[in-house]
């Protein structure tokens, strides 16, 4: 790892002082973007988008820094900018005061132009602290339909939303939520979809030895989903869907890729699978950093989520040329046009999902038509290049406002 990308435990005189030489080294003519995220502990959608954004922002125009309150060691190698880990468990104890002072010290030394926040603690605690401590523009990324918010979060957002200079919604549905539920001024809320590096998708090969390692017959249809295992991702609905599909396609195998985020829920899934007698047909593969080879090895992608802001896994599957069946929630309908490049089903409707999957498995020409259209959709609308272009335009608008 490059020396300047080593983690820094703190700022100022409070913890591990930054010398004048270090401060000079970090400064440059580029605009400085400080990203703040609650934690980097798994490779979920927001985390992937943040890491890619830091890596892909034009280096001649921007330099990036990162503050997080918790970091999994396995993610350190993915970070391509200076970063600091400031352990924070509560926002109302003496340690929180110390961390707030550390953030203030950083902003004064490093002269950030924009503070860009992800998730509730960063939005509601670190964001306002930054705004009060330095002449910065404050940007928030909103990536879901409020499913993780408590009542106190809703209250805090209603009070603090006016502090944000820009809110980036990951889909038009999330933007609508920001306007209707959060009452944010429409001029402040912009939709920027997640984007994929399409060249990397194209160059990726199917997973070698997948079927042999999993003892899956070469002729067995593979249906895959990607998402951390918790109720909102609807894996219980996938289990019920699998049971219906297996009645007509007994060789089919369902692969579930994702971290076991809710152990109780996971145990309930195993119990239900055992009752249905489909244990050999539903495989949990755990969390994987690179899912593209698996996606390219499957026949159908199924997203049974109960709620989504905008699914990275869905557009990854579409880019890999997989015909997709997804629930009609959040921004999914902004990627899938019913019957043209995929299918949408109501959340919880295992019967219709099974029928759509069976129709795709039975008709090779249908799979080819749907998958070709899906791949074209991602190439036209959901690339990293488009995402970065729109984000840079958003930043430039904020700079022009500040520079007037």
Protein backbone atom coordinates (compact mmCIF):
# COMPACT_ATOMS: atom_id res chain seq x y z
CA UNK A 1 0.00 0.00 0.00
CA UNK A 2 1.24 3.46 -0.83
CA UNK A 3 2.43 5.35 2.26
CA UNK A 4 -0.07 8.16 1.95
CA UNK A 5 -2.93 5.66 1.77
CA UNK A 6 -2.14 4.23 5.17
CA UNK A 7 -4.93 4.66 7.74
CA UNK A 8 -4.64 7.63 10.08
CA UNK A 9 -6.06 7.16 13.58
CA UNK A 10 -6.84 10.81 14.25
CA UNK A 11 -6.22 14.53 13.72
CA UNK A 12 -4.68 17.48 15.46
CA UNK A 13 -3.26 17.14 18.96
CA UNK A 14 -5.99 14.76 20.07
CA UNK A 15 -4.61 11.62 18.49
CA UNK A 16 -1.60 10.98 16.22
CA UNK A 17 -0.79 14.57 15.16
CA UNK A 18 -0.40 15.41 11.46
CA UNK A 19 2.84 17.27 10.89
CA UNK A 20 3.07 20.39 8.68
CA UNK A 21 5.00 18.29 6.18
CA UNK A 22 2.15 15.77 5.99
CA UNK A 23 -0.42 18.52 5.61
CA UNK A 24 1.52 19.99 2.69
CA UNK A 25 1.83 16.58 1.09
CA UNK A 26 -1.92 16.00 1.15
CA UNK A 27 -2.75 19.43 -0.27
CA UNK A 28 -2.91 19.96 -4.00
CA UNK A 29 -4.56 22.29 -6.53
CA UNK A 30 -7.46 19.89 -7.04
CA UNK A 31 -10.81 20.29 -5.36
CA UNK A 32 -10.89 18.23 -2.19
CA UNK A 33 -13.80 15.83 -1.61
CA UNK A 34 -14.11 14.30 1.86
CA UNK A 35 -16.30 11.19 1.86
CA UNK A 36 -17.81 10.09 5.19
CA UNK A 37 -19.48 6.70 5.57
CA UNK A 38 -20.73 5.00 8.73
CA UNK A 39 -18.78 1.82 8.09
CA UNK A 40 -16.94 -0.14 5.44
CA UNK A 41 -17.45 -3.70 6.60
CA UNK A 42 -18.95 -5.46 3.58
CA UNK A 43 -19.05 -5.18 -0.20
CA UNK A 44 -22.65 -4.06 -0.53
CA UNK A 45 -24.03 -1.64 -3.10
CA UNK A 46 -23.23 1.66 -1.39
CA UNK A 47 -19.77 0.53 -0.37
CA UNK A 48 -18.92 -0.61 -3.90
CA UNK A 49 -20.19 2.63 -5.42
CA UNK A 50 -18.20 4.74 -2.94
CA UNK A 51 -14.95 2.83 -3.57
CA UNK A 52 -15.43 3.05 -7.34
CA UNK A 53 -16.25 6.75 -7.14
CA UNK A 54 -13.05 7.50 -5.24
CA UNK A 55 -11.05 5.48 -7.76
CA UNK A 56 -12.70 6.95 -10.88
CA UNK A 57 -13.05 10.65 -10.09
CA UNK A 58 -10.73 12.58 -12.46
CA UNK A 59 -7.44 12.92 -10.58
CA UNK A 60 -6.51 16.13 -12.39
CA UNK A 61 -9.56 17.83 -10.91
CA UNK A 62 -10.26 16.12 -7.59
CA UNK A 63 -8.48 14.58 -4.65
CA UNK A 64 -10.38 12.39 -2.24
CA UNK A 65 -10.17 11.59 1.45
CA UNK A 66 -12.28 9.21 3.49
CA UNK A 67 -13.46 9.08 7.08
CA UNK A 68 -15.27 6.04 8.42
CA UNK A 69 -16.21 4.93 11.92
CA UNK A 70 -15.57 1.22 11.32
CA UNK A 71 -13.46 -0.59 8.74
CA UNK A 72 -13.11 -4.29 8.00
CA UNK A 73 -9.41 -5.08 7.38
CA UNK A 74 -10.30 -6.97 4.18
CA UNK A 75 -11.49 -3.73 2.56
CA UNK A 76 -8.31 -1.73 3.24
CA UNK A 77 -6.66 -2.94 0.05
CA UNK A 78 -9.60 -1.53 -1.96
CA UNK A 79 -9.05 2.02 -0.72
CA UNK A 80 -7.21 4.30 -3.15
CA UNK A 81 -7.12 7.53 -1.13
CA UNK A 82 -5.95 8.66 2.33
CA UNK A 83 -8.40 7.42 4.95
CA UNK A 84 -9.00 7.67 8.66
CA UNK A 85 -10.84 5.33 10.98
CA UNK A 86 -12.45 7.15 13.92
CA UNK A 87 -14.12 4.55 16.16
CA UNK A 88 -17.58 5.74 17.13
CA UNK A 89 -20.30 3.72 18.87
CA UNK A 90 -22.49 6.53 20.19
CA UNK A 91 -23.01 10.10 19.04
CA UNK A 92 -23.73 11.48 22.51
CA UNK A 93 -20.81 10.44 24.76
CA UNK A 94 -17.37 11.92 25.45
CA UNK A 95 -15.77 9.87 22.68
CA UNK A 96 -18.24 11.44 20.25
CA UNK A 97 -17.08 14.88 21.36
CA UNK A 98 -13.48 13.85 20.74
CA UNK A 99 -14.31 12.49 17.28
CA UNK A 100 -16.20 15.70 16.46
CA UNK A 101 -13.10 17.71 17.39
CA UNK A 102 -10.98 15.43 15.25
CA UNK A 103 -13.26 16.04 12.25
CA UNK A 104 -13.05 19.78 12.87
CA UNK A 105 -9.26 19.58 13.03
CA UNK A 106 -9.16 17.65 9.77
CA UNK A 107 -11.38 20.16 7.96
CA UNK A 108 -9.27 23.08 9.14
CA UNK A 109 -6.01 21.43 8.12
CA UNK A 110 -7.12 19.84 4.86
CA UNK A 111 -9.53 22.52 3.56
CA UNK A 112 -12.20 20.20 2.12
CA UNK A 113 -14.44 21.75 -0.51
CA UNK A 114 -17.24 19.18 -0.29
CA UNK A 115 -18.20 16.72 2.43
CA UNK A 116 -20.14 13.84 0.87
CA UNK A 117 -21.94 11.57 3.37
CA UNK A 118 -23.37 8.05 3.23
CA UNK A 119 -25.87 6.57 5.73
CA UNK A 120 -27.57 7.85 8.85
CA UNK A 121 -24.74 8.63 11.29
CA UNK A 122 -22.70 10.34 8.60
CA UNK A 123 -25.75 12.28 7.36
CA UNK A 124 -27.14 13.32 10.72
CA UNK A 125 -24.05 13.69 12.87
CA UNK A 126 -20.84 14.08 10.84
CA UNK A 127 -22.54 16.17 8.14
CA UNK A 128 -23.86 18.93 10.42
CA UNK A 129 -20.58 18.98 12.37
CA UNK A 130 -18.71 19.53 9.10
CA UNK A 131 -21.12 22.23 7.99
CA UNK A 132 -20.76 24.11 11.26
CA UNK A 133 -16.97 23.80 11.40
CA UNK A 134 -15.92 24.78 7.88
CA UNK A 135 -17.12 26.64 4.77
CA UNK A 136 -17.95 23.45 2.86
CA UNK A 137 -20.75 22.25 0.61
CA UNK A 138 -22.60 19.31 2.11
CA UNK A 139 -23.80 16.44 -0.11
CA UNK A 140 -25.77 13.39 1.00
CA UNK A 141 -26.24 10.13 -0.90
CA UNK A 142 -29.69 8.62 -0.30
CA UNK A 143 -29.76 4.99 -1.35
CA UNK A 144 -32.95 3.44 0.00
CA UNK A 145 -36.59 4.10 0.81
CA UNK A 146 -35.93 4.80 4.50
CA UNK A 147 -36.06 1.14 5.54
CA UNK A 148 -33.23 1.48 8.07
CA UNK A 149 -34.55 4.60 9.76
CA UNK A 150 -35.95 4.66 13.27
CA UNK A 151 -38.45 7.25 14.47
CA UNK A 152 -35.59 9.37 15.82
CA UNK A 153 -33.91 9.21 12.40
CA UNK A 154 -37.06 10.50 10.71
CA UNK A 155 -37.24 13.38 13.18
CA UNK A 156 -33.55 14.22 12.80
CA UNK A 157 -33.75 14.19 9.01
CA UNK A 158 -36.76 16.52 9.08
CA UNK A 159 -34.76 19.00 11.18
CA UNK A 160 -31.38 18.70 9.44
CA UNK A 161 -32.24 18.20 5.76
CA UNK A 162 -32.14 21.99 5.11
CA UNK A 163 -28.39 21.91 5.89
CA UNK A 164 -27.65 19.81 2.80
CA UNK A 165 -26.68 21.69 -0.33
CA UNK A 166 -27.36 18.67 -2.53
CA UNK A 167 -28.97 15.26 -2.08
CA UNK A 168 -28.05 12.55 -4.58
CA UNK A 169 -30.79 9.94 -4.99
CA UNK A 170 -29.84 6.57 -6.42
CA UNK A 171 -33.12 6.31 -8.37
CA UNK A 172 -36.15 8.40 -9.25
CA UNK A 173 -38.15 6.43 -6.68
CA UNK A 174 -35.66 7.39 -3.98
CA UNK A 175 -35.82 10.98 -5.24
CA UNK A 176 -39.60 10.87 -4.90
CA UNK A 177 -39.18 9.62 -1.32
CA UNK A 178 -36.83 12.54 -0.59
CA UNK A 179 -39.36 15.03 -1.95
CA UNK A 180 -42.51 13.55 -0.41
CA UNK A 181 -41.30 12.13 2.91
CA UNK A 182 -38.24 14.27 3.67
CA UNK A 183 -39.72 17.48 2.21
CA UNK A 184 -36.43 18.44 0.55
CA UNK A 185 -36.54 21.23 -2.01
CA UNK A 186 -36.78 19.68 -5.52
CA UNK A 187 -33.91 21.81 -6.84
CA UNK A 188 -31.57 20.17 -4.32
CA UNK A 189 -32.33 16.53 -5.20
CA UNK A 190 -30.73 14.92 -8.26
CA UNK A 191 -30.92 11.31 -9.46
CA UNK A 192 -27.60 9.64 -10.27
CA UNK A 193 -27.86 5.92 -10.96
CA UNK A 194 -25.21 3.42 -9.95
CA UNK A 195 -22.84 2.66 -12.80
CA UNK A 196 -20.76 -0.34 -13.83
CA UNK A 197 -17.40 -0.45 -15.57
CA UNK A 198 -18.75 -2.19 -18.64
CA UNK A 199 -15.35 -3.19 -20.02
CA UNK A 200 -14.61 -5.18 -16.88
CA UNK A 201 -17.94 -6.98 -17.18
CA UNK A 202 -17.26 -7.82 -20.81
CA UNK A 203 -13.78 -9.16 -20.06
CA UNK A 204 -14.91 -11.35 -17.16
CA UNK A 205 -15.16 -15.10 -17.81
CA UNK A 206 -17.62 -17.55 -16.23
CA UNK A 207 -16.55 -19.18 -12.97
CA UNK A 208 -14.29 -22.11 -13.79
CA UNK A 209 -15.21 -25.33 -12.03
CA UNK A 210 -18.36 -23.95 -10.40
CA UNK A 211 -20.53 -26.93 -11.22
CA UNK A 212 -17.94 -29.54 -10.30
CA UNK A 213 -17.12 -27.80 -7.00
CA UNK A 214 -20.81 -27.68 -6.10
CA UNK A 215 -21.62 -31.16 -7.52
CA UNK A 216 -24.12 -29.66 -9.95
CA UNK A 217 -24.93 -31.48 -13.17
CA UNK A 218 -23.89 -29.76 -16.40
CA UNK A 219 -27.49 -29.82 -17.61
CA UNK A 220 -28.97 -28.36 -14.40
CA UNK A 221 -30.50 -24.87 -14.76
CA UNK A 222 -28.86 -22.34 -12.40
CA UNK A 223 -30.90 -19.53 -10.85
CA UNK A 224 -28.87 -17.02 -8.84
CA UNK A 225 -29.52 -14.14 -6.47
CA UNK A 226 -27.07 -11.73 -4.84
CA UNK A 227 -27.78 -9.91 -1.59
CA UNK A 228 -27.00 -10.07 2.10
CA UNK A 229 -29.21 -12.53 3.90
CA UNK A 230 -31.79 -10.53 5.82
CA UNK A 231 -35.55 -10.26 5.58
CA UNK A 232 -35.65 -7.16 3.38
CA UNK A 233 -33.84 -9.11 0.66
CA UNK A 234 -36.71 -11.62 0.49
CA UNK A 235 -34.66 -14.82 0.54
CA UNK A 236 -37.61 -16.55 2.24
CA UNK A 237 -39.67 -15.74 -0.87
CA UNK A 238 -36.88 -17.21 -3.00
CA UNK A 239 -37.17 -20.44 -1.00
CA UNK A 240 -40.92 -20.63 -1.70
CA UNK A 241 -40.28 -19.80 -5.36
CA UNK A 242 -37.65 -22.53 -5.58
CA UNK A 243 -40.08 -25.10 -4.23
CA UNK A 244 -42.54 -24.25 -7.01
CA UNK A 245 -39.91 -24.23 -9.75
CA UNK A 246 -38.54 -27.60 -8.62
CA UNK A 247 -41.93 -29.24 -9.09
CA UNK A 248 -41.52 -28.68 -12.84
CA UNK A 249 -37.72 -28.45 -13.19
CA UNK A 250 -36.38 -30.84 -10.52
CA UNK A 251 -32.75 -30.47 -11.65
CA UNK A 252 -32.73 -26.68 -11.07
CA UNK A 253 -30.36 -25.25 -8.47
CA UNK A 254 -30.76 -21.89 -6.72
CA UNK A 255 -27.54 -20.13 -5.66
CA UNK A 256 -27.67 -17.45 -2.95
CA UNK A 257 -24.62 -15.17 -2.73
CA UNK A 258 -24.34 -12.86 0.26
CA UNK A 259 -23.31 -12.37 3.85
CA UNK A 260 -25.41 -13.96 6.60
CA UNK A 261 -26.30 -10.57 8.10
CA UNK A 262 -29.18 -11.91 10.24
CA UNK A 263 -28.30 -15.29 11.81
CA UNK A 264 -31.81 -15.83 13.22
CA UNK A 265 -33.38 -15.24 9.83
CA UNK A 266 -30.82 -17.52 8.19
CA UNK A 267 -31.62 -20.36 10.62
CA UNK A 268 -35.33 -19.93 9.87
CA UNK A 269 -34.55 -20.22 6.15
CA UNK A 270 -32.67 -23.47 6.73
CA UNK A 271 -35.60 -24.86 8.72
CA UNK A 272 -38.06 -24.01 5.97
CA UNK A 273 -35.78 -25.52 3.31
CA UNK A 274 -35.59 -28.70 5.38
CA UNK A 275 -39.40 -28.85 5.71
CA UNK A 276 -39.77 -28.43 1.94
CA UNK A 277 -37.12 -31.08 1.29
CA UNK A 278 -35.12 -28.92 -1.13
CA UNK A 279 -31.82 -28.73 0.74
CA UNK A 280 -29.76 -29.98 -2.20
CA UNK A 281 -31.35 -27.45 -4.56
CA UNK A 282 -30.77 -24.22 -2.59
CA UNK A 283 -27.10 -23.42 -1.96
CA UNK A 284 -25.77 -20.57 0.19
CA UNK A 285 -22.34 -19.55 -1.11
CA UNK A 286 -21.56 -16.75 1.37
CA UNK A 287 -20.15 -13.30 0.58
CA UNK A 288 -17.95 -12.92 -2.51
CA UNK A 289 -15.99 -9.85 -3.55
CA UNK A 290 -16.44 -10.57 -7.25
CA UNK A 291 -19.82 -11.98 -8.26
CA UNK A 292 -19.46 -11.44 -12.02
CA UNK A 293 -17.99 -14.90 -12.80
CA UNK A 294 -20.90 -16.54 -10.97
CA UNK A 295 -23.45 -14.37 -12.74
CA UNK A 296 -21.94 -15.34 -16.09
CA UNK A 297 -22.29 -19.01 -15.13
CA UNK A 298 -26.02 -18.84 -14.34
CA UNK A 299 -29.14 -19.08 -16.51
CA UNK A 300 -31.54 -16.72 -14.70
CA UNK A 301 -31.17 -13.98 -12.08
CA UNK A 302 -33.92 -13.59 -9.48
CA UNK A 303 -34.16 -10.57 -7.16
CA UNK A 304 -36.88 -11.16 -4.54
CA UNK A 305 -36.24 -8.02 -2.43
CA UNK A 306 -39.02 -6.42 -0.41
CA UNK A 307 -37.39 -3.01 -0.80
CA UNK A 308 -34.60 -1.55 -2.95
CA UNK A 309 -33.26 1.89 -3.68
CA UNK A 310 -31.54 0.80 -6.86
CA UNK A 311 -30.01 -2.65 -7.05
CA UNK A 312 -26.36 -2.99 -8.05
CA UNK A 313 -26.83 -6.75 -8.25
CA UNK A 314 -29.67 -6.33 -10.76
CA UNK A 315 -27.70 -4.20 -13.21
CA UNK A 316 -24.65 -6.44 -12.77
CA UNK A 317 -26.78 -9.42 -13.77
CA UNK A 318 -28.26 -7.52 -16.72
CA UNK A 319 -24.77 -6.49 -17.85
CA UNK A 320 -23.69 -10.13 -17.70
CA UNK A 321 -26.48 -11.01 -20.13
CA UNK A 322 -28.71 -12.75 -17.61
CA UNK A 323 -32.49 -12.63 -18.07
CA UNK A 324 -33.81 -11.18 -14.79
CA UNK A 325 -36.94 -11.57 -12.70
CA UNK A 326 -37.14 -8.83 -10.05
CA UNK A 327 -39.69 -7.46 -7.62
CA UNK A 328 -41.50 -4.25 -8.52
CA UNK A 329 -40.00 -2.22 -5.67
CA UNK A 330 -37.88 0.93 -5.48
CA UNK A 331 -35.88 1.66 -8.60
CA UNK A 332 -36.11 -1.83 -10.16
CA UNK A 333 -38.73 -0.66 -12.65
CA UNK A 334 -36.32 2.08 -13.78
CA UNK A 335 -33.96 -0.62 -15.05
CA UNK A 336 -36.44 -3.28 -16.19
CA UNK A 337 -39.11 -2.73 -18.80
CA UNK A 338 -41.65 -5.52 -18.35
CA UNK A 339 -41.34 -8.22 -20.98
CA UNK A 340 -38.68 -6.32 -22.94
CA UNK A 341 -35.46 -6.67 -20.96
CA UNK A 342 -36.73 -8.61 -17.93
CA UNK A 343 -39.76 -9.30 -15.78
CA UNK A 344 -41.22 -7.55 -12.74
CA UNK A 345 -43.32 -9.31 -10.10
CA UNK A 346 -45.00 -8.01 -6.98
CA UNK A 347 -43.02 -8.45 -3.77
CA UNK A 348 -43.90 -11.73 -2.07
CA UNK A 349 -45.53 -13.31 -5.13
CA UNK A 350 -43.60 -16.58 -5.26
CA UNK A 351 -46.07 -18.19 -7.68
CA UNK A 352 -45.71 -15.55 -10.39
CA UNK A 353 -41.94 -15.42 -9.91
CA UNK A 354 -41.77 -19.20 -10.36
CA UNK A 355 -43.88 -18.98 -13.53
CA UNK A 356 -41.58 -16.32 -14.99
CA UNK A 357 -38.47 -18.33 -14.16
CA UNK A 358 -39.95 -21.51 -15.66
CA UNK A 359 -40.93 -19.66 -18.84
CA UNK A 360 -37.35 -18.43 -19.24
CA UNK A 361 -35.87 -21.87 -18.56
CA UNK A 362 -38.20 -23.46 -21.13
CA UNK A 363 -37.48 -21.05 -24.00
CA UNK A 364 -33.89 -20.50 -25.09
CA UNK A 365 -34.85 -17.88 -27.71
CA UNK A 366 -36.78 -15.91 -25.07
CA UNK A 367 -33.78 -15.98 -22.76
CA UNK A 368 -31.54 -14.73 -25.55
CA UNK A 369 -33.89 -11.88 -26.51
CA UNK A 370 -34.39 -10.73 -22.92
CA UNK A 371 -30.72 -11.00 -22.00
CA UNK A 372 -29.55 -9.14 -25.10
CA UNK A 373 -31.94 -6.27 -24.36
CA UNK A 374 -30.87 -6.24 -20.69
CA UNK A 375 -27.20 -5.95 -21.56
CA UNK A 376 -27.93 -3.14 -24.01
CA UNK A 377 -29.88 -1.25 -21.33
CA UNK A 378 -26.94 -1.24 -18.94
CA UNK A 379 -24.52 -0.23 -21.68
CA UNK A 380 -26.70 2.74 -22.61
CA UNK A 381 -27.80 3.95 -19.18
CA UNK A 382 -25.93 2.50 -16.23
CA UNK A 383 -22.18 2.76 -16.81
CA UNK A 384 -19.56 4.13 -14.44
CA UNK A 385 -18.65 6.74 -17.04
CA UNK A 386 -22.19 8.17 -16.98
CA UNK A 387 -22.30 8.03 -13.18
CA UNK A 388 -19.01 9.91 -12.78
CA UNK A 389 -19.93 12.49 -15.44
CA UNK A 390 -23.15 13.31 -13.60
CA UNK A 391 -21.45 13.41 -10.22
CA UNK A 392 -18.74 15.76 -11.52
CA UNK A 393 -21.45 18.01 -12.99
CA UNK A 394 -23.18 18.04 -9.60
CA UNK A 395 -19.95 18.99 -7.81
CA UNK A 396 -19.24 21.71 -10.39
CA UNK A 397 -22.67 23.21 -9.83
CA UNK A 398 -21.92 23.43 -6.11
CA UNK A 399 -18.51 24.98 -6.73
CA UNK A 400 -20.04 27.60 -9.02
CA UNK A 401 -22.56 28.48 -6.31
CA UNK A 402 -19.80 28.84 -3.73
CA UNK A 403 -17.45 30.78 -5.98
CA UNK A 404 -20.00 33.46 -6.90
